[in-house]
Full PDB file with SEQRES, HELIX, SHEET, SSBOND, CRYST1, ORIGX, SCALE, CONECT and MASTER records, all heavy atoms in Angstrom:
SEQRES   1 A   32  ALA LEU GLN VAL ALA PRO HIS ALA GLY GLU VAL ALA ASP          
SEQRES   2 A   32  ALA ILE GLU ARG ILE GLU GLU VAL ALA GLY VAL ARG TYR          
SEQRES   3 A   32  ALA GLU PRO LEU ALA ARG                                      
HELIX    1 AA1 VAL A   11  ILE A   18  1                                   8    
CRYST1    1.000    1.000    1.000  90.00  90.00  90.00 P 1           1          
ORIGX1      1.000000  0.000000  0.000000        0.00000                         
ORIGX2      0.000000  1.000000  0.000000        0.00000                         
ORIGX3      0.000000  0.000000  1.000000        0.00000                         
SCALE1      1.000000  0.000000  0.000000        0.00000                         
SCALE2      0.000000  1.000000  0.000000        0.00000                         
SCALE3      0.000000  0.000000  1.000000        0.00000                         
ATOM      1  N   ALA A   1    -114.144 -82.630  25.000  1.00  0.00           N  
ATOM      2  CA  ALA A   1    -115.279 -82.949  24.131  1.00  0.00           C  
ATOM      3  C   ALA A   1    -116.464 -83.418  24.963  1.00  0.00           C  
ATOM      4  O   ALA A   1    -116.336 -83.766  26.137  1.00  0.00           O  
ATOM      5  CB  ALA A   1    -114.883 -84.029  23.123  1.00  0.00           C  
ATOM      6  N   LEU A   2    -117.618 -83.428  24.320  1.00  0.00           N  
ATOM      7  CA  LEU A   2    -118.857 -83.919  24.914  1.00  0.00           C  
ATOM      8  C   LEU A   2    -119.406 -85.032  24.033  1.00  0.00           C  
ATOM      9  O   LEU A   2    -119.164 -85.044  22.816  1.00  0.00           O  
ATOM     10  CB  LEU A   2    -119.891 -82.795  25.021  1.00  0.00           C  
ATOM     11  CG  LEU A   2    -119.504 -81.579  25.848  1.00  0.00           C  
ATOM     12  CD1 LEU A   2    -120.507 -80.440  25.601  1.00  0.00           C  
ATOM     13  CD2 LEU A   2    -119.449 -81.919  27.330  1.00  0.00           C  
ATOM     14  N   GLN A   3    -120.150 -85.937  24.634  1.00  0.00           N  
ATOM     15  CA  GLN A   3    -120.844 -86.966  23.864  1.00  0.00           C  
ATOM     16  C   GLN A   3    -122.340 -86.669  23.970  1.00  0.00           C  
ATOM     17  O   GLN A   3    -122.889 -86.574  25.066  1.00  0.00           O  
ATOM     18  CB  GLN A   3    -120.525 -88.348  24.417  1.00  0.00           C  
ATOM     19  CG  GLN A   3    -120.793 -89.471  23.440  1.00  0.00           C  
ATOM     20  CD  GLN A   3    -120.096 -90.756  23.839  1.00  0.00           C  
ATOM     21  OE1 GLN A   3    -118.884 -90.794  23.972  1.00  0.00           O  
ATOM     22  NE2 GLN A   3    -120.863 -91.803  24.043  1.00  0.00           N  
ATOM     23  N   VAL A   4    -122.975 -86.511  22.821  1.00  0.00           N  
ATOM     24  CA  VAL A   4    -124.372 -86.081  22.760  1.00  0.00           C  
ATOM     25  C   VAL A   4    -125.218 -87.200  22.181  1.00  0.00           C  
ATOM     26  O   VAL A   4    -124.811 -87.873  21.223  1.00  0.00           O  
ATOM     27  CB  VAL A   4    -124.501 -84.808  21.888  1.00  0.00           C  
ATOM     28  CG1 VAL A   4    -125.961 -84.412  21.709  1.00  0.00           C  
ATOM     29  CG2 VAL A   4    -123.717 -83.660  22.510  1.00  0.00           C  
ATOM     30  N   ALA A   5    -126.402 -87.408  22.757  1.00  0.00           N  
ATOM     31  CA  ALA A   5    -127.324 -88.427  22.262  1.00  0.00           C  
ATOM     32  C   ALA A   5    -128.365 -87.776  21.359  1.00  0.00           C  
ATOM     33  O   ALA A   5    -129.268 -87.086  21.846  1.00  0.00           O  
ATOM     34  CB  ALA A   5    -128.005 -89.122  23.441  1.00  0.00           C  
ATOM     35  N   PRO A   6    -128.268 -87.952  20.032  1.00  0.00           N  
ATOM     36  CA  PRO A   6    -129.256 -87.364  19.133  1.00  0.00           C  
ATOM     37  C   PRO A   6    -130.535 -88.188  19.119  1.00  0.00           C  
ATOM     38  O   PRO A   6    -130.548 -89.343  19.561  1.00  0.00           O  
ATOM     39  CB  PRO A   6    -128.567 -87.409  17.769  1.00  0.00           C  
ATOM     40  CG  PRO A   6    -127.713 -88.634  17.858  1.00  0.00           C  
ATOM     41  CD  PRO A   6    -127.244 -88.715  19.296  1.00  0.00           C  
ATOM     42  N   HIS A   7    -131.607 -87.615  18.620  1.00  0.00           N  
ATOM     43  CA  HIS A   7    -132.831 -88.369  18.455  1.00  0.00           C  
ATOM     44  C   HIS A   7    -132.680 -89.341  17.286  1.00  0.00           C  
ATOM     45  O   HIS A   7    -131.891 -89.120  16.359  1.00  0.00           O  
ATOM     46  CB  HIS A   7    -134.013 -87.432  18.211  1.00  0.00           C  
ATOM     47  CG  HIS A   7    -134.303 -86.531  19.375  1.00  0.00           C  
ATOM     48  ND1 HIS A   7    -134.708 -87.006  20.596  1.00  0.00           N  
ATOM     49  CD2 HIS A   7    -134.221 -85.185  19.500  1.00  0.00           C  
ATOM     50  CE1 HIS A   7    -134.878 -85.995  21.429  1.00  0.00           C  
ATOM     51  NE2 HIS A   7    -134.582 -84.878  20.791  1.00  0.00           N  
ATOM     52  N   ALA A   8    -133.420 -90.420  17.295  1.00  0.00           N  
ATOM     53  CA  ALA A   8    -133.320 -91.447  16.264  1.00  0.00           C  
ATOM     54  C   ALA A   8    -133.510 -90.853  14.871  1.00  0.00           C  
ATOM     55  O   ALA A   8    -134.450 -90.102  14.624  1.00  0.00           O  
ATOM     56  CB  ALA A   8    -134.358 -92.544  16.514  1.00  0.00           C  
ATOM     57  N   GLY A   9    -132.581 -91.191  13.991  1.00  0.00           N  
ATOM     58  CA  GLY A   9    -132.696 -90.774  12.597  1.00  0.00           C  
ATOM     59  C   GLY A   9    -132.374 -89.323  12.322  1.00  0.00           C  
ATOM     60  O   GLY A   9    -132.622 -88.837  11.220  1.00  0.00           O  
ATOM     61  N   GLU A  10    -131.809 -88.611  13.298  1.00  0.00           N  
ATOM     62  CA  GLU A  10    -131.567 -87.181  13.113  1.00  0.00           C  
ATOM     63  C   GLU A  10    -130.093 -86.816  13.191  1.00  0.00           C  
ATOM     64  O   GLU A  10    -129.737 -85.705  13.571  1.00  0.00           O  
ATOM     65  CB  GLU A  10    -132.340 -86.378  14.177  1.00  0.00           C  
ATOM     66  CG  GLU A  10    -133.842 -86.495  14.067  1.00  0.00           C  
ATOM     67  CD  GLU A  10    -134.571 -85.638  15.093  1.00  0.00           C  
ATOM     68  OE1 GLU A  10    -133.887 -85.001  15.916  1.00  0.00           O  
ATOM     69  OE2 GLU A  10    -135.814 -85.608  15.053  1.00  0.00           O  
ATOM     70  N   VAL A  11    -129.215 -87.742  12.809  1.00  0.00           N  
ATOM     71  CA  VAL A  11    -127.788 -87.505  12.967  1.00  0.00           C  
ATOM     72  C   VAL A  11    -127.309 -86.327  12.124  1.00  0.00           C  
ATOM     73  O   VAL A  11    -126.664 -85.405  12.628  1.00  0.00           O  
ATOM     74  CB  VAL A  11    -126.992 -88.778  12.617  1.00  0.00           C  
ATOM     75  CG1 VAL A  11    -125.493 -88.481  12.590  1.00  0.00           C  
ATOM     76  CG2 VAL A  11    -127.285 -89.871  13.629  1.00  0.00           C  
ATOM     77  N   ALA A  12    -127.604 -86.346  10.832  1.00  0.00           N  
ATOM     78  CA  ALA A  12    -127.128 -85.276   9.953  1.00  0.00           C  
ATOM     79  C   ALA A  12    -127.676 -83.921  10.377  1.00  0.00           C  
ATOM     80  O   ALA A  12    -126.945 -82.916  10.422  1.00  0.00           O  
ATOM     81  CB  ALA A  12    -127.517 -85.580   8.502  1.00  0.00           C  
ATOM     82  N   ASP A  13    -128.967 -83.872  10.687  1.00  0.00           N  
ATOM     83  CA  ASP A  13    -129.574 -82.617  11.124  1.00  0.00           C  
ATOM     84  C   ASP A  13    -128.981 -82.155  12.447  1.00  0.00           C  
ATOM     85  O   ASP A  13    -128.717 -80.966  12.648  1.00  0.00           O  
ATOM     86  CB  ASP A  13    -131.083 -82.796  11.260  1.00  0.00           C  
ATOM     87  CG  ASP A  13    -131.782 -81.533  11.742  1.00  0.00           C  
ATOM     88  OD1 ASP A  13    -131.753 -80.521  11.005  1.00  0.00           O  
ATOM     89  OD2 ASP A  13    -132.332 -81.548  12.866  1.00  0.00           O  
ATOM     90  N   ALA A  14    -128.752 -83.115  13.358  1.00  0.00           N  
ATOM     91  CA  ALA A  14    -128.185 -82.768  14.661  1.00  0.00           C  
ATOM     92  C   ALA A  14    -126.778 -82.208  14.516  1.00  0.00           C  
ATOM     93  O   ALA A  14    -126.419 -81.221  15.170  1.00  0.00           O  
ATOM     94  CB  ALA A  14    -128.186 -83.999  15.576  1.00  0.00           C  
ATOM     95  N   ILE A  15    -125.963 -82.814  13.656  1.00  0.00           N  
ATOM     96  CA  ILE A  15    -124.602 -82.319  13.437  1.00  0.00           C  
ATOM     97  C   ILE A  15    -124.639 -80.891  12.924  1.00  0.00           C  
ATOM     98  O   ILE A  15    -123.893 -80.012  13.395  1.00  0.00           O  
ATOM     99  CB  ILE A  15    -123.846 -83.233  12.453  1.00  0.00           C  
ATOM    100  CG1 ILE A  15    -123.517 -84.565  13.132  1.00  0.00           C  
ATOM    101  CG2 ILE A  15    -122.575 -82.559  11.944  1.00  0.00           C  
ATOM    102  CD1 ILE A  15    -122.870 -85.580  12.218  1.00  0.00           C  
ATOM    103  N   GLU A  16    -125.520 -80.617  11.964  1.00  0.00           N  
ATOM    104  CA  GLU A  16    -125.618 -79.267  11.403  1.00  0.00           C  
ATOM    105  C   GLU A  16    -126.008 -78.255  12.475  1.00  0.00           C  
ATOM    106  O   GLU A  16    -125.435 -77.166  12.556  1.00  0.00           O  
ATOM    107  CB  GLU A  16    -126.639 -79.263  10.262  1.00  0.00           C  
ATOM    108  CG  GLU A  16    -126.741 -77.925   9.541  1.00  0.00           C  
ATOM    109  CD  GLU A  16    -127.674 -77.990   8.345  1.00  0.00           C  
ATOM    110  OE1 GLU A  16    -128.039 -79.114   7.928  1.00  0.00           O  
ATOM    111  OE2 GLU A  16    -128.040 -76.918   7.835  1.00  0.00           O  
ATOM    112  N   ARG A  17    -126.967 -78.627  13.314  1.00  0.00           N  
ATOM    113  CA  ARG A  17    -127.411 -77.705  14.364  1.00  0.00           C  
ATOM    114  C   ARG A  17    -126.336 -77.510  15.430  1.00  0.00           C  
ATOM    115  O   ARG A  17    -126.125 -76.409  15.927  1.00  0.00           O  
ATOM    116  CB  ARG A  17    -128.692 -78.239  15.004  1.00  0.00           C  
ATOM    117  CG  ARG A  17    -129.907 -78.163  14.078  1.00  0.00           C  
ATOM    118  CD  ARG A  17    -131.060 -78.992  14.635  1.00  0.00           C  
ATOM    119  NE  ARG A  17    -131.388 -78.597  16.018  1.00  0.00           N  
ATOM    120  CZ  ARG A  17    -131.917 -79.411  16.912  1.00  0.00           C  
ATOM    121  NH1 ARG A  17    -132.162 -80.679  16.599  1.00  0.00           N  
ATOM    122  NH2 ARG A  17    -132.206 -78.972  18.124  1.00  0.00           N  
ATOM    123  N   ILE A  18    -125.640 -78.599  15.783  1.00  0.00           N  
ATOM    124  CA  ILE A  18    -124.599 -78.503  16.813  1.00  0.00           C  
ATOM    125  C   ILE A  18    -123.435 -77.640  16.349  1.00  0.00           C  
ATOM    126  O   ILE A  18    -122.881 -76.843  17.109  1.00  0.00           O  
ATOM    127  CB  ILE A  18    -124.119 -79.917  17.198  1.00  0.00           C  
ATOM    128  CG1 ILE A  18    -125.210 -80.646  17.984  1.00  0.00           C  
ATOM    129  CG2 ILE A  18    -122.834 -79.855  18.022  1.00  0.00           C  
ATOM    130  CD1 ILE A  18    -124.927 -82.115  18.220  1.00  0.00           C  
ATOM    131  N   GLU A  19    -123.054 -77.782  15.083  1.00  0.00           N  
ATOM    132  CA  GLU A  19    -121.907 -77.023  14.584  1.00  0.00           C  
ATOM    133  C   GLU A  19    -122.187 -75.525  14.477  1.00  0.00           C  
ATOM    134  O   GLU A  19    -121.260 -74.734  14.283  1.00  0.00           O  
ATOM    135  CB  GLU A  19    -121.458 -77.589  13.238  1.00  0.00           C  
ATOM    136  CG  GLU A  19    -120.804 -78.962  13.359  1.00  0.00           C  
ATOM    137  CD  GLU A  19    -120.182 -79.443  12.066  1.00  0.00           C  
ATOM    138  OE1 GLU A  19    -120.698 -79.059  10.985  1.00  0.00           O  
ATOM    139  OE2 GLU A  19    -119.196 -80.196  12.129  1.00  0.00           O  
ATOM    140  N   GLU A  20    -123.438 -75.140  14.612  1.00  0.00           N  
ATOM    141  CA  GLU A  20    -123.780 -73.720  14.634  1.00  0.00           C  
ATOM    142  C   GLU A  20    -123.637 -73.100  16.021  1.00  0.00           C  
ATOM    143  O   GLU A  20    -123.686 -71.886  16.178  1.00  0.00           O  
ATOM    144  CB  GLU A  20    -125.226 -73.532  14.155  1.00  0.00           C  
ATOM    145  CG  GLU A  20    -125.448 -73.885  12.687  1.00  0.00           C  
ATOM    146  CD  GLU A  20    -126.911 -73.842  12.292  1.00  0.00           C  
ATOM    147  OE1 GLU A  20    -127.762 -73.726  13.206  1.00  0.00           O  
ATOM    148  OE2 GLU A  20    -127.202 -73.943  11.076  1.00  0.00           O  
ATOM    149  N   VAL A  21    -123.434 -73.953  17.038  1.00  0.00           N  
ATOM    150  CA  VAL A  21    -123.336 -73.473  18.417  1.00  0.00           C  
ATOM    151  C   VAL A  21    -121.957 -72.879  18.668  1.00  0.00           C  
ATOM    152  O   VAL A  21    -120.933 -73.456  18.297  1.00  0.00           O  
ATOM    153  CB  VAL A  21    -123.606 -74.637  19.402  1.00  0.00           C  
ATOM    154  CG1 VAL A  21    -123.356 -74.199  20.845  1.00  0.00           C  
ATOM    155  CG2 VAL A  21    -125.032 -75.143  19.234  1.00  0.00           C  
ATOM    156  N   ALA A  22    -121.921 -71.732  19.287  1.00  0.00           N  
ATOM    157  CA  ALA A  22    -120.660 -71.061  19.598  1.00  0.00           C  
ATOM    158  C   ALA A  22    -119.799 -71.942  20.494  1.00  0.00           C  
ATOM    159  O   ALA A  22    -120.274 -72.521  21.471  1.00  0.00           O  
ATOM    160  CB  ALA A  22    -120.942 -69.730  20.293  1.00  0.00           C  
ATOM    161  N   GLY A  23    -118.523 -72.058  20.123  1.00  0.00           N  
ATOM    162  CA  GLY A  23    -117.587 -72.844  20.910  1.00  0.00           C  
ATOM    163  C   GLY A  23    -117.425 -74.273  20.454  1.00  0.00           C  
ATOM    164  O   GLY A  23    -116.548 -74.987  20.957  1.00  0.00           O  
ATOM    165  N   VAL A  24    -118.235 -74.726  19.494  1.00  0.00           N  
ATOM    166  CA  VAL A  24    -118.118 -76.092  18.985  1.00  0.00           C  
ATOM    167  C   VAL A  24    -117.058 -76.132  17.887  1.00  0.00           C  
ATOM    168  O   VAL A  24    -117.110 -75.364  16.931  1.00  0.00           O  
ATOM    169  CB  VAL A  24    -119.471 -76.603  18.445  1.00  0.00           C  
ATOM    170  CG1 VAL A  24    -119.284 -77.923  17.694  1.00  0.00           C  
ATOM    171  CG2 VAL A  24    -120.453 -76.789  19.593  1.00  0.00           C  
ATOM    172  N   ARG A  25    -116.097 -77.040  18.037  1.00  0.00           N  
ATOM    173  CA  ARG A  25    -115.019 -77.184  17.051  1.00  0.00           C  
ATOM    174  C   ARG A  25    -115.387 -78.189  15.969  1.00  0.00           C  
ATOM    175  O   ARG A  25    -115.047 -78.022  14.801  1.00  0.00           O  
ATOM    176  CB  ARG A  25    -113.735 -77.615  17.760  1.00  0.00           C  
ATOM    177  CG  ARG A  25    -112.507 -77.685  16.857  1.00  0.00           C  
ATOM    178  CD  ARG A  25    -111.213 -77.659  17.668  1.00  0.00           C  
ATOM    179  NE  ARG A  25    -111.085 -78.819  18.536  1.00  0.00           N  
ATOM    180  CZ  ARG A  25    -110.398 -79.909  18.217  1.00  0.00           C  
ATOM    181  NH1 ARG A  25    -109.811 -79.998  17.029  1.00  0.00           N  
ATOM    182  NH2 ARG A  25    -110.302 -80.916  19.059  1.00  0.00           N  
ATOM    183  N   TYR A  26    -116.047 -79.277  16.350  1.00  0.00           N  
ATOM    184  CA  TYR A  26    -116.504 -80.269  15.380  1.00  0.00           C  
ATOM    185  C   TYR A  26    -117.611 -81.094  16.013  1.00  0.00           C  
ATOM    186  O   TYR A  26    -117.764 -81.128  17.240  1.00  0.00           O  
ATOM    187  CB  TYR A  26    -115.368 -81.201  14.925  1.00  0.00           C  
ATOM    188  CG  TYR A  26    -114.815 -82.077  16.018  1.00  0.00           C  
ATOM    189  CD1 TYR A  26    -115.409 -83.302  16.341  1.00  0.00           C  
ATOM    190  CD2 TYR A  26    -113.698 -81.677  16.754  1.00  0.00           C  
ATOM    191  CE1 TYR A  26    -114.921 -84.099  17.360  1.00  0.00           C  
ATOM    192  CE2 TYR A  26    -113.201 -82.475  17.775  1.00  0.00           C  
ATOM    193  CZ  TYR A  26    -113.810 -83.675  18.076  1.00  0.00           C  
ATOM    194  OH  TYR A  26    -113.320 -84.455  19.095  1.00  0.00           O  
ATOM    195  N   ALA A  27    -118.382 -81.763  15.186  1.00  0.00           N  
ATOM    196  CA  ALA A  27    -119.377 -82.741  15.641  1.00  0.00           C  
ATOM    197  C   ALA A  27    -119.363 -83.890  14.646  1.00  0.00           C  
ATOM    198  O   ALA A  27    -119.425 -83.664  13.431  1.00  0.00           O  
ATOM    199  CB  ALA A  27    -120.763 -82.117  15.724  1.00  0.00           C  
ATOM    200  N   GLU A  28    -119.252 -85.119  15.156  1.00  0.00           N  
ATOM    201  CA  GLU A  28    -119.199 -86.265  14.266  1.00  0.00           C  
ATOM    202  C   GLU A  28    -119.740 -87.495  14.989  1.00  0.00           C  
ATOM    203  O   GLU A  28    -119.708 -87.573  16.223  1.00  0.00           O  
ATOM    204  CB  GLU A  28    -117.766 -86.537  13.806  1.00  0.00           C  
ATOM    205  CG  GLU A  28    -116.797 -86.824  14.922  1.00  0.00           C  
ATOM    206  CD  GLU A  28    -115.353 -86.904  14.437  1.00  0.00           C  
ATOM    207  OE1 GLU A  28    -115.019 -86.287  13.412  1.00  0.00           O  
ATOM    208  OE2 GLU A  28    -114.562 -87.581  15.103  1.00  0.00           O  
ATOM    209  N   PRO A  29    -120.280 -88.465  14.244  1.00  0.00           N  
ATOM    210  CA  PRO A  29    -120.795 -89.675  14.884  1.00  0.00           C  
ATOM    211  C   PRO A  29    -119.679 -90.475  15.545  1.00  0.00           C  
ATOM    212  O   PRO A  29    -118.553 -90.517  15.032  1.00  0.00           O  
ATOM    213  CB  PRO A  29    -121.405 -90.468  13.718  1.00  0.00           C  
ATOM    214  CG  PRO A  29    -121.586 -89.470  12.619  1.00  0.00           C  
ATOM    215  CD  PRO A  29    -120.488 -88.458  12.789  1.00  0.00           C  
ATOM    216  N   LEU A  30    -119.978 -91.087  16.669  1.00  0.00           N  
ATOM    217  CA  LEU A  30    -119.047 -92.009  17.303  1.00  0.00           C  
ATOM    218  C   LEU A  30    -118.843 -93.199  16.358  1.00  0.00           C  
ATOM    219  O   LEU A  30    -119.806 -93.800  15.900  1.00  0.00           O  
ATOM    220  CB  LEU A  30    -119.621 -92.505  18.627  1.00  0.00           C  
ATOM    221  CG  LEU A  30    -118.760 -93.479  19.429  1.00  0.00           C  
ATOM    222  CD1 LEU A  30    -117.629 -92.730  20.108  1.00  0.00           C  
ATOM    223  CD2 LEU A  30    -119.601 -94.209  20.454  1.00  0.00           C  
ATOM    224  N   ALA A  31    -117.601 -93.511  16.059  1.00  0.00           N  
ATOM    225  CA  ALA A  31    -117.301 -94.607  15.129  1.00  0.00           C  
ATOM    226  C   ALA A  31    -116.844 -95.825  15.895  1.00  0.00           C  
ATOM    227  O   ALA A  31    -116.105 -95.719  16.877  1.00  0.00           O  
ATOM    228  CB  ALA A  31    -116.216 -94.163  14.148  1.00  0.00           C  
ATOM    229  N   ARG A  32    -117.303 -96.996  15.468  1.00  0.00           N  
ATOM    230  CA  ARG A  32    -116.822 -98.237  16.048  1.00  0.00           C  
ATOM    231  C   ARG A  32    -115.485 -98.610  15.409  1.00  0.00           C  
ATOM    232  O   ARG A  32    -115.249 -98.348  14.226  1.00  0.00           O  
ATOM    233  CB  ARG A  32    -117.813 -99.375  15.807  1.00  0.00           C  
ATOM    234  CG  ARG A  32    -119.183 -99.173  16.371  1.00  0.00           C  
ATOM    235  CD  ARG A  32    -119.231 -99.035  17.865  1.00  0.00           C  
ATOM    236  NE  ARG A  32    -118.587-100.108  18.592  1.00  0.00           N  
ATOM    237  CZ  ARG A  32    -118.676-100.268  19.915  1.00  0.00           C  
ATOM    238  NH1 ARG A  32    -119.393 -99.403  20.637  1.00  0.00           N  
ATOM    239  NH2 ARG A  32    -118.060-101.256  20.527  1.00  0.00           N  
TER     240      ARG A  32                                                      
MASTER        0    0    0    1    0    0    0    6  239    1    0    3          
END                                                                             
């Protein structure tokens, strides 16, 4: 896996865009 730093306030949009990338299995926020 990779850890990606999204821009502030763009988590949902970033997840949608990342999951469209070939080879990505999932994208989700790091949970505490």
